[in-house]
């Protein structure tokens, strides 16, 4: 389930009678732009790995500061506000990041 781009909420659960802690909530963001074939490929990877509603899409062309920050360096996956992966990236890299 998605919570505003978060991958998973954090709350105690019971597993075999013991209370376990879920991983903390993470904010996953895909910085992308229209007409970008690499962005399309990474979107398909993210959809397969975490599901289409578990991350935010941000078009870098929608904000002058993002245009300056990213230029042509898209797609970029950010985790909790830190840019972690940029194209080219593999599905195994995405899975490792979000595991």
PDB file of N, CA and C in Angstrom:
ATOM      1  N   UNK A   1       0.843  -1.169   0.000  1.00  0.00           N
ATOM      2  CA  UNK A   1       0.000   0.000   0.000  1.00  0.00           C
ATOM      3  C   UNK A   1       0.887   1.229   0.000  1.00  0.00           C
ATOM      4  N   UNK A   2       0.487   2.276  -0.672  1.00  0.00           N
ATOM      5  CA  UNK A   2       1.263   3.497  -0.778  1.00  0.00           C
ATOM      6  C   UNK A   2       0.711   4.565   0.142  1.00  0.00           C
ATOM      7  N   UNK A   3       1.595   5.325   0.720  1.00  0.00           N
ATOM      8  CA  UNK A   3       1.232   6.432   1.586  1.00  0.00           C
ATOM      9  C   UNK A   3       1.977   7.655   1.098  1.00  0.00           C
ATOM     10  N   UNK A   4       1.409   8.353   0.113  1.00  0.00           N
ATOM     11  CA  UNK A   4       2.027   9.561  -0.392  1.00  0.00           C
ATOM     12  C   UNK A   4       3.435   9.348  -0.927  1.00  0.00           C
ATOM     13  N   UNK A   5       3.656   8.291  -1.664  1.00  0.00           N
ATOM     14  CA  UNK A   5       4.962   8.016  -2.226  1.00  0.00           C
ATOM     15  C   UNK A   5       5.836   7.166  -1.337  1.00  0.00           C
ATOM     16  N   UNK A   6       5.364   6.862  -0.138  1.00  0.00           N
ATOM     17  CA  UNK A   6       6.151   6.029   0.767  1.00  0.00           C
ATOM     18  C   UNK A   6       6.005   4.573   0.382  1.00  0.00           C
ATOM     19  N   UNK A   7       7.026   3.816   0.616  1.00  0.00           N
ATOM     20  CA  UNK A   7       7.002   2.412   0.250  1.00  0.00           C
ATOM     21  C   UNK A   7       6.229   1.592   1.261  1.00  0.00           C
ATOM     22  N   UNK A   8       6.421   1.836   2.548  1.00  0.00           N
ATOM     23  CA  UNK A   8       5.773   1.007   3.553  1.00  0.00           C
ATOM     24  C   UNK A   8       5.702   1.771   4.871  1.00  0.00           C
ATOM     25  N   UNK A   9       4.560   1.724   5.554  1.00  0.00           N
ATOM     26  CA  UNK A   9       4.481   2.374   6.860  1.00  0.00           C
ATOM     27  C   UNK A   9       5.243   1.574   7.910  1.00  0.00           C
ATOM     28  N   UNK A  10       5.614   2.239   8.985  1.00  0.00           N
ATOM     29  CA  UNK A  10       6.323   1.577  10.070  1.00  0.00           C
ATOM     30  C   UNK A  10       5.379   1.374  11.241  1.00  0.00           C
ATOM     31  N   UNK A  11       5.192   0.134  11.649  1.00  0.00           N
ATOM     32  CA  UNK A  11       4.357  -0.168  12.801  1.00  0.00           C
ATOM     33  C   UNK A  11       4.677  -1.574  13.276  1.00  0.00           C
ATOM     34  N   UNK A  12       4.498  -1.821  14.567  1.00  0.00           N
ATOM     35  CA  UNK A  12       4.792  -3.160  15.079  1.00  0.00           C
ATOM     36  C   UNK A  12       3.782  -4.179  14.565  1.00  0.00           C
ATOM     37  N   UNK A  13       4.242  -5.377  14.287  1.00  0.00           N
ATOM     38  CA  UNK A  13       3.359  -6.471  13.881  1.00  0.00           C
ATOM     39  C   UNK A  13       3.735  -7.712  14.672  1.00  0.00           C
ATOM     40  N   UNK A  14       2.848  -8.692  14.663  1.00  0.00           N
ATOM     41  CA  UNK A  14       3.124  -9.953  15.352  1.00  0.00           C
ATOM     42  C   UNK A  14       3.478 -11.010  14.313  1.00  0.00           C
ATOM     43  N   UNK A  15       4.584 -11.675  14.534  1.00  0.00           N
ATOM     44  CA  UNK A  15       5.013 -12.772  13.665  1.00  0.00           C
ATOM     45  C   UNK A  15       5.346 -13.947  14.573  1.00  0.00           C
ATOM     46  N   UNK A  16       4.517 -14.967  14.561  1.00  0.00           N
ATOM     47  CA  UNK A  16       4.748 -16.126  15.412  1.00  0.00           C
ATOM     48  C   UNK A  16       4.707 -15.785  16.887  1.00  0.00           C
ATOM     49  N   UNK A  17       3.878 -14.806  17.254  1.00  0.00           N
ATOM     50  CA  UNK A  17       3.734 -14.427  18.649  1.00  0.00           C
ATOM     51  C   UNK A  17       4.705 -13.352  19.098  1.00  0.00           C
ATOM     52  N   UNK A  18       5.734 -13.052  18.302  1.00  0.00           N
ATOM     53  CA  UNK A  18       6.699 -12.020  18.678  1.00  0.00           C
ATOM     54  C   UNK A  18       6.371 -10.725  17.952  1.00  0.00           C
ATOM     55  N   UNK A  19       6.601  -9.612  18.598  1.00  0.00           N
ATOM     56  CA  UNK A  19       6.382  -8.314  17.968  1.00  0.00           C
ATOM     57  C   UNK A  19       7.621  -7.983  17.145  1.00  0.00           C
ATOM     58  N   UNK A  20       7.392  -7.677  15.877  1.00  0.00           N
ATOM     59  CA  UNK A  20       8.494  -7.295  14.994  1.00  0.00           C
ATOM     60  C   UNK A  20       8.240  -5.890  14.493  1.00  0.00           C
ATOM     61  N   UNK A  21       9.264  -5.220  14.069  1.00  0.00           N
ATOM     62  CA  UNK A  21       9.153  -3.860  13.561  1.00  0.00           C
ATOM     63  C   UNK A  21       9.280  -3.893  12.045  1.00  0.00           C
ATOM     64  N   UNK A  22       8.317  -3.283  11.350  1.00  0.00           N
ATOM     65  CA  UNK A  22       8.395  -3.162   9.902  1.00  0.00           C
ATOM     66  C   UNK A  22       9.501  -2.172   9.558  1.00  0.00           C
ATOM     67  N   UNK A  23      10.063  -2.276   8.368  1.00  0.00           N
ATOM     68  CA  UNK A  23      11.052  -1.282   7.952  1.00  0.00           C
ATOM     69  C   UNK A  23      10.433   0.116   7.995  1.00  0.00           C
ATOM     70  N   UNK A  24      11.234   1.143   8.267  1.00  0.00           N
ATOM     71  CA  UNK A  24      10.687   2.497   8.347  1.00  0.00           C
ATOM     72  C   UNK A  24      10.137   2.957   7.002  1.00  0.00           C
ATOM     73  N   UNK A  25       9.237   3.907   7.055  1.00  0.00           N
ATOM     74  CA  UNK A  25       8.637   4.475   5.850  1.00  0.00           C
ATOM     75  C   UNK A  25       9.729   5.129   5.015  1.00  0.00           C
ATOM     76  N   UNK A  26       9.670   4.892   3.714  1.00  0.00           N
ATOM     77  CA  UNK A  26      10.658   5.463   2.809  1.00  0.00           C
ATOM     78  C   UNK A  26       9.948   6.227   1.713  1.00  0.00           C
ATOM     79  N   UNK A  27      10.493   7.362   1.343  1.00  0.00           N
ATOM     80  CA  UNK A  27       9.933   8.156   0.258  1.00  0.00           C
ATOM     81  C   UNK A  27      10.778   7.902  -0.992  1.00  0.00           C
ATOM     82  N   UNK A  28      10.128   7.328  -1.987  1.00  0.00           N
ATOM     83  CA  UNK A  28      10.791   7.015  -3.247  1.00  0.00           C
ATOM     84  C   UNK A  28      10.273   7.987  -4.298  1.00  0.00           C
ATOM     85  N   UNK A  29      11.199   8.666  -4.979  1.00  0.00           N
ATOM     86  CA  UNK A  29      10.831   9.640  -6.008  1.00  0.00           C
ATOM     87  C   UNK A  29      11.588   9.311  -7.284  1.00  0.00           C
ATOM     88  N   UNK A  30      10.860   9.337  -8.395  1.00  0.00           N
ATOM     89  CA  UNK A  30      11.475   9.212  -9.712  1.00  0.00           C
ATOM     90  C   UNK A  30      11.457  10.591 -10.356  1.00  0.00           C
ATOM     91  N   UNK A  31      12.639  11.171 -10.554  1.00  0.00           N
ATOM     92  CA  UNK A  31      12.759  12.433 -11.279  1.00  0.00           C
ATOM     93  C   UNK A  31      12.893  12.071 -12.748  1.00  0.00           C
ATOM     94  N   UNK A  32      12.009  12.644 -13.562  1.00  0.00           N
ATOM     95  CA  UNK A  32      11.932  12.264 -14.969  1.00  0.00           C
ATOM     96  C   UNK A  32      11.499  13.455 -15.801  1.00  0.00           C
ATOM     97  N   UNK A  33      11.351  13.226 -17.099  1.00  0.00           N
ATOM     98  CA  UNK A  33      10.785  14.243 -17.989  1.00  0.00           C
ATOM     99  C   UNK A  33      10.027  13.542 -19.106  1.00  0.00           C
ATOM    100  N   UNK A  34       9.169  14.297 -19.749  1.00  0.00           N
ATOM    101  CA  UNK A  34       8.374  13.762 -20.858  1.00  0.00           C
ATOM    102  C   UNK A  34       9.298  13.423 -22.031  1.00  0.00           C
ATOM    103  N   UNK A  35       8.853  12.484 -22.846  1.00  0.00           N
ATOM    104  CA  UNK A  35       9.585  12.085 -24.055  1.00  0.00           C
ATOM    105  C   UNK A  35      11.010  11.623 -23.748  1.00  0.00           C
ATOM    106  N   UNK A  36      11.155  10.871 -22.670  1.00  0.00           N
ATOM    107  CA  UNK A  36      12.462  10.345 -22.248  1.00  0.00           C
ATOM    108  C   UNK A  36      12.349   8.828 -22.209  1.00  0.00           C
ATOM    109  N   UNK A  37      12.956   8.147 -23.184  1.00  0.00           N
ATOM    110  CA  UNK A  37      12.815   6.686 -23.240  1.00  0.00           C
ATOM    111  C   UNK A  37      13.459   6.005 -22.036  1.00  0.00           C
ATOM    112  N   UNK A  38      14.563   6.546 -21.515  1.00  0.00           N
ATOM    113  CA  UNK A  38      15.166   5.963 -20.313  1.00  0.00           C
ATOM    114  C   UNK A  38      14.241   6.114 -19.109  1.00  0.00           C
ATOM    115  N   UNK A  39      13.552   7.251 -19.024  1.00  0.00           N
ATOM    116  CA  UNK A  39      12.580   7.463 -17.940  1.00  0.00           C
ATOM    117  C   UNK A  39      11.461   6.433 -18.035  1.00  0.00           C
ATOM    118  N   UNK A  40      10.993   6.184 -19.248  1.00  0.00           N
ATOM    119  CA  UNK A  40       9.942   5.177 -19.444  1.00  0.00           C
ATOM    120  C   UNK A  40      10.411   3.800 -18.984  1.00  0.00           C
ATOM    121  N   UNK A  41      11.649   3.452 -19.305  1.00  0.00           N
ATOM    122  CA  UNK A  41      12.189   2.146 -18.909  1.00  0.00           C
ATOM    123  C   UNK A  41      12.293   2.023 -17.391  1.00  0.00           C
ATOM    124  N   UNK A  42      12.753   3.080 -16.726  1.00  0.00           N
ATOM    125  CA  UNK A  42      12.892   3.037 -15.268  1.00  0.00           C
ATOM    126  C   UNK A  42      11.520   3.012 -14.603  1.00  0.00           C
ATOM    127  N   UNK A  43      10.550   3.707 -15.173  1.00  0.00           N
ATOM    128  CA  UNK A  43       9.182   3.665 -14.633  1.00  0.00           C
ATOM    129  C   UNK A  43       8.648   2.232 -14.672  1.00  0.00           C
ATOM    130  N   UNK A  44       8.903   1.513 -15.756  1.00  0.00           N
ATOM    131  CA  UNK A  44       8.483   0.107 -15.860  1.00  0.00           C
ATOM    132  C   UNK A  44       9.188  -0.730 -14.794  1.00  0.00           C
ATOM    133  N   UNK A  45      10.487  -0.490 -14.584  1.00  0.00           N
ATOM    134  CA  UNK A  45      11.222  -1.212 -13.534  1.00  0.00           C
ATOM    135  C   UNK A  45      10.612  -0.952 -12.157  1.00  0.00           C
ATOM    136  N   UNK A  46      10.370   0.318 -11.832  1.00  0.00           N
ATOM    137  CA  UNK A  46       9.791   0.648 -10.527  1.00  0.00           C
ATOM    138  C   UNK A  46       8.403   0.048 -10.367  1.00  0.00           C
ATOM    139  N   UNK A  47       7.604   0.091 -11.417  1.00  0.00           N
ATOM    140  CA  UNK A  47       6.268  -0.514 -11.349  1.00  0.00           C
ATOM    141  C   UNK A  47       6.373  -1.999 -11.020  1.00  0.00           C
ATOM    142  N   UNK A  48       7.348  -2.666 -11.613  1.00  0.00           N
ATOM    143  CA  UNK A  48       7.524  -4.098 -11.385  1.00  0.00           C
ATOM    144  C   UNK A  48       8.067  -4.376  -9.976  1.00  0.00           C
ATOM    145  N   UNK A  49       8.960  -3.528  -9.484  1.00  0.00           N
ATOM    146  CA  UNK A  49       9.619  -3.767  -8.198  1.00  0.00           C
ATOM    147  C   UNK A  49       8.747  -3.365  -7.013  1.00  0.00           C
ATOM    148  N   UNK A  50       8.146  -2.165  -7.053  1.00  0.00           N
ATOM    149  CA  UNK A  50       7.380  -1.686  -5.888  1.00  0.00           C
ATOM    150  C   UNK A  50       5.919  -1.390  -6.188  1.00  0.00           C
ATOM    151  N   UNK A  51       5.537  -1.384  -7.457  1.00  0.00           N
ATOM    152  CA  UNK A  51       4.160  -1.066  -7.821  1.00  0.00           C
ATOM    153  C   UNK A  51       4.018   0.396  -8.199  1.00  0.00           C
ATOM    154  N   UNK A  52       3.084   0.694  -9.093  1.00  0.00           N
ATOM    155  CA  UNK A  52       2.962   2.041  -9.644  1.00  0.00           C
ATOM    156  C   UNK A  52       2.533   3.113  -8.649  1.00  0.00           C
ATOM    157  N   UNK A  53       1.931   2.741  -7.540  1.00  0.00           N
ATOM    158  CA  UNK A  53       1.482   3.763  -6.592  1.00  0.00           C
ATOM    159  C   UNK A  53       2.422   3.913  -5.400  1.00  0.00           C
ATOM    160  N   UNK A  54       3.573   3.248  -5.423  1.00  0.00           N
ATOM    161  CA  UNK A  54       4.479   3.266  -4.275  1.00  0.00           C
ATOM    162  C   UNK A  54       5.607   4.287  -4.409  1.00  0.00           C
ATOM    163  N   UNK A  55       5.554   5.120  -5.433  1.00  0.00           N
ATOM    164  CA  UNK A  55       6.579   6.141  -5.600  1.00  0.00           C
ATOM    165  C   UNK A  55       5.968   7.355  -6.280  1.00  0.00           C
ATOM    166  N   UNK A  56       6.647   8.494  -6.132  1.00  0.00           N
ATOM    167  CA  UNK A  56       6.205   9.740  -6.755  1.00  0.00           C
ATOM    168  C   UNK A  56       6.924   9.933  -8.083  1.00  0.00           C
ATOM    169  N   UNK A  57       6.225  10.577  -9.007  1.00  0.00           N
ATOM    170  CA  UNK A  57       6.828  10.985 -10.273  1.00  0.00           C
ATOM    171  C   UNK A  57       6.966  12.501 -10.206  1.00  0.00           C
ATOM    172  N   UNK A  58       8.138  13.012 -10.485  1.00  0.00           N
ATOM    173  CA  UNK A  58       8.314  14.459 -10.553  1.00  0.00           C
ATOM    174  C   UNK A  58       8.969  14.786 -11.884  1.00  0.00           C
ATOM    175  N   UNK A  59       8.285  15.625 -12.657  1.00  0.00           N
ATOM    176  CA  UNK A  59       8.800  16.079 -13.944  1.00  0.00           C
ATOM    177  C   UNK A  59       9.776  17.222 -13.675  1.00  0.00           C
ATOM    178  N   UNK A  60      11.046  17.020 -13.984  1.00  0.00           N
ATOM    179  CA  UNK A  60      12.043  18.045 -13.688  1.00  0.00           C
ATOM    180  C   UNK A  60      11.788  19.329 -14.461  1.00  0.00           C
ATOM    181  N   UNK A  61      11.091  19.242 -15.586  1.00  0.00           N
ATOM    182  CA  UNK A  61      10.805  20.433 -16.376  1.00  0.00           C
ATOM    183  C   UNK A  61       9.703  21.291 -15.767  1.00  0.00           C
ATOM    184  N   UNK A  62       9.096  20.825 -14.672  1.00  0.00           N
ATOM    185  CA  UNK A  62       8.020  21.583 -14.026  1.00  0.00           C
ATOM    186  C   UNK A  62       8.549  22.623 -13.045  1.00  0.00           C
ATOM    187  N   UNK A  63       9.858  22.653 -12.821  1.00  0.00           N
ATOM    188  CA  UNK A  63      10.434  23.532 -11.803  1.00  0.00           C
ATOM    189  C   UNK A  63      11.827  23.962 -12.261  1.00  0.00           C
ATOM    190  N   UNK A  64      12.048  25.277 -12.331  1.00  0.00           N
ATOM    191  CA  UNK A  64      13.341  25.784 -12.795  1.00  0.00           C
ATOM    192  C   UNK A  64      14.509  25.271 -11.956  1.00  0.00           C
ATOM    193  N   UNK A  65      14.306  25.158 -10.647  1.00  0.00           N
ATOM    194  CA  UNK A  65      15.382  24.663  -9.774  1.00  0.00           C
ATOM    195  C   UNK A  65      15.732  23.213 -10.114  1.00  0.00           C
ATOM    196  N   UNK A  66      14.719  22.412 -10.459  1.00  0.00           N
ATOM    197  CA  UNK A  66      14.980  21.021 -10.834  1.00  0.00           C
ATOM    198  C   UNK A  66      15.673  20.932 -12.186  1.00  0.00           C
ATOM    199  N   UNK A  67      15.332  21.836 -13.098  1.00  0.00           N
ATOM    200  CA  UNK A  67      16.012  21.865 -14.398  1.00  0.00           C
ATOM    201  C   UNK A  67      17.499  22.129 -14.188  1.00  0.00           C
ATOM    202  N   UNK A  68      17.809  23.091 -13.316  1.00  0.00           N
ATOM    203  CA  UNK A  68      19.212  23.401 -13.022  1.00  0.00           C
ATOM    204  C   UNK A  68      19.879  22.220 -12.320  1.00  0.00           C
ATOM    205  N   UNK A  69      19.193  21.626 -11.364  1.00  0.00           N
ATOM    206  CA  UNK A  69      19.767  20.527 -10.576  1.00  0.00           C
ATOM    207  C   UNK A  69      20.052  19.288 -11.422  1.00  0.00           C
ATOM    208  N   UNK A  70      19.096  18.912 -12.284  1.00  0.00           N
ATOM    209  CA  UNK A  70      19.226  17.658 -13.021  1.00  0.00           C
ATOM    210  C   UNK A  70      19.667  17.821 -14.468  1.00  0.00           C
ATOM    211  N   UNK A  71      19.377  18.953 -15.086  1.00  0.00           N
ATOM    212  CA  UNK A  71      19.736  19.119 -16.486  1.00  0.00           C
ATOM    213  C   UNK A  71      19.212  17.951 -17.300  1.00  0.00           C
ATOM    214  N   UNK A  72      20.120  17.273 -17.991  1.00  0.00           N
ATOM    215  CA  UNK A  72      19.734  16.099 -18.778  1.00  0.00           C
ATOM    216  C   UNK A  72      20.000  14.797 -18.022  1.00  0.00           C
ATOM    217  N   UNK A  73      20.340  14.898 -16.749  1.00  0.00           N
ATOM    218  CA  UNK A  73      20.687  13.729 -15.927  1.00  0.00           C
ATOM    219  C   UNK A  73      19.422  13.097 -15.344  1.00  0.00           C
ATOM    220  N   UNK A  74      18.579  12.576 -16.202  1.00  0.00           N
ATOM    221  CA  UNK A  74      17.369  11.866 -15.780  1.00  0.00           C
ATOM    222  C   UNK A  74      17.305  10.557 -16.553  1.00  0.00           C
ATOM    223  N   UNK A  75      16.662   9.564 -16.032  1.00  0.00           N
ATOM    224  CA  UNK A  75      15.917   9.506 -14.779  1.00  0.00           C
ATOM    225  C   UNK A  75      16.845   9.323 -13.578  1.00  0.00           C
ATOM    226  N   UNK A  76      16.359   9.789 -12.430  1.00  0.00           N
ATOM    227  CA  UNK A  76      17.068   9.639 -11.165  1.00  0.00           C
ATOM    228  C   UNK A  76      16.076   9.120 -10.139  1.00  0.00           C
ATOM    229  N   UNK A  77      16.481   8.112  -9.372  1.00  0.00           N
ATOM    230  CA  UNK A  77      15.664   7.628  -8.259  1.00  0.00           C
ATOM    231  C   UNK A  77      16.255   8.184  -6.978  1.00  0.00           C
ATOM    232  N   UNK A  78      15.394   8.854  -6.223  1.00  0.00           N
ATOM    233  CA  UNK A  78      15.769   9.415  -4.933  1.00  0.00           C
ATOM    234  C   UNK A  78      15.090   8.601  -3.842  1.00  0.00           C
ATOM    235  N   UNK A  79      15.824   8.329  -2.783  1.00  0.00           N
ATOM    236  CA  UNK A  79      15.279   7.605  -1.639  1.00  0.00           C
ATOM    237  C   UNK A  79      15.484   8.474  -0.412  1.00  0.00           C
ATOM    238  N   UNK A  80      14.375   8.849   0.226  1.00  0.00           N
ATOM    239  CA  UNK A  80      14.416   9.700   1.416  1.00  0.00           C
ATOM    240  C   UNK A  80      15.204  10.984   1.181  1.00  0.00           C
ATOM    241  N   UNK A  81      15.007  11.587   0.005  1.00  0.00           N
ATOM    242  CA  UNK A  81      15.620  12.875  -0.292  1.00  0.00           C
ATOM    243  C   UNK A  81      17.050  12.822  -0.790  1.00  0.00           C
ATOM    244  N   UNK A  82      17.586  11.624  -0.978  1.00  0.00           N
ATOM    245  CA  UNK A  82      18.963  11.472  -1.457  1.00  0.00           C
ATOM    246  C   UNK A  82      18.934  10.782  -2.816  1.00  0.00           C
ATOM    247  N   UNK A  83      19.549  11.418  -3.813  1.00  0.00           N
ATOM    248  CA  UNK A  83      19.634  10.800  -5.136  1.00  0.00           C
ATOM    249  C   UNK A  83      20.514   9.564  -5.035  1.00  0.00           C
ATOM    250  N   UNK A  84      19.949   8.415  -5.398  1.00  0.00           N
ATOM    251  CA  UNK A  84      20.658   7.151  -5.195  1.00  0.00           C
ATOM    252  C   UNK A  84      21.031   6.441  -6.489  1.00  0.00           C
ATOM    253  N   UNK A  85      20.177   6.497  -7.502  1.00  0.00           N
ATOM    254  CA  UNK A  85      20.464   5.820  -8.772  1.00  0.00           C
ATOM    255  C   UNK A  85      20.115   6.746  -9.921  1.00  0.00           C
ATOM    256  N   UNK A  86      20.930   6.687 -10.973  1.00  0.00           N
ATOM    257  CA  UNK A  86      20.579   7.384 -12.200  1.00  0.00           C
ATOM    258  C   UNK A  86      20.874   6.468 -13.375  1.00  0.00           C
ATOM    259  N   UNK A  87      20.223   6.748 -14.486  1.00  0.00           N
ATOM    260  CA  UNK A  87      20.348   5.896 -15.662  1.00  0.00           C
ATOM    261  C   UNK A  87      21.776   5.920 -16.182  1.00  0.00           C
ATOM    262  N   UNK A  88      22.218   4.781 -16.693  1.00  0.00           N
ATOM    263  CA  UNK A  88      21.485   3.524 -16.808  1.00  0.00           C
ATOM    264  C   UNK A  88      21.501   2.759 -15.485  1.00  0.00           C
ATOM    265  N   UNK A  89      20.417   2.043 -15.210  1.00  0.00           N
ATOM    266  CA  UNK A  89      20.326   1.228 -13.997  1.00  0.00           C
ATOM    267  C   UNK A  89      19.643  -0.079 -14.340  1.00  0.00           C
ATOM    268  N   UNK A  90      19.955  -1.096 -13.563  1.00  0.00           N
ATOM    269  CA  UNK A  90      19.375  -2.413 -13.798  1.00  0.00           C
ATOM    270  C   UNK A  90      18.274  -2.691 -12.783  1.00  0.00           C
ATOM    271  N   UNK A  91      17.460  -3.680 -13.081  1.00  0.00           N
ATOM    272  CA  UNK A  91      16.417  -4.077 -12.141  1.00  0.00           C
ATOM    273  C   UNK A  91      17.028  -4.558 -10.831  1.00  0.00           C
ATOM    274  N   UNK A  92      18.148  -5.261 -10.894  1.00  0.00           N
ATOM    275  CA  UNK A  92      18.764  -5.740  -9.647  1.00  0.00           C
ATOM    276  C   UNK A  92      19.269  -4.574  -8.800  1.00  0.00           C
ATOM    277  N   UNK A  93      19.755  -3.511  -9.418  1.00  0.00           N
ATOM    278  CA  UNK A  93      20.167  -2.326  -8.656  1.00  0.00           C
ATOM    279  C   UNK A  93      18.968  -1.669  -7.981  1.00  0.00           C
ATOM    280  N   UNK A  94      17.857  -1.584  -8.703  1.00  0.00           N
ATOM    281  CA  UNK A  94      16.640  -1.000  -8.134  1.00  0.00           C
ATOM    282  C   UNK A  94      16.140  -1.868  -6.985  1.00  0.00           C
ATOM    283  N   UNK A  95      16.117  -3.173  -7.186  1.00  0.00           N
ATOM    284  CA  UNK A  95      15.675  -4.083  -6.115  1.00  0.00           C
ATOM    285  C   UNK A  95      16.576  -3.973  -4.887  1.00  0.00           C
ATOM    286  N   UNK A  96      17.880  -3.912  -5.089  1.00  0.00           N
ATOM    287  CA  UNK A  96      18.813  -3.791  -3.963  1.00  0.00           C
ATOM    288  C   UNK A  96      18.593  -2.492  -3.202  1.00  0.00           C
ATOM    289  N   UNK A  97      18.381  -1.416  -3.923  1.00  0.00           N
ATOM    290  CA  UNK A  97      18.145  -0.123  -3.285  1.00  0.00           C
ATOM    291  C   UNK A  97      16.890  -0.144  -2.431  1.00  0.00           C
ATOM    292  N   UNK A  98      15.836  -0.764  -2.946  1.00  0.00           N
ATOM    293  CA  UNK A  98      14.532  -0.697  -2.283  1.00  0.00           C
ATOM    294  C   UNK A  98      14.225  -1.910  -1.420  1.00  0.00           C
ATOM    295  N   UNK A  99      15.187  -2.816  -1.258  1.00  0.00           N
ATOM    296  CA  UNK A  99      14.977  -4.022  -0.439  1.00  0.00           C
ATOM    297  C   UNK A  99      14.866  -3.683   1.033  1.00  0.00           C
TER     298      UNK A  99
END
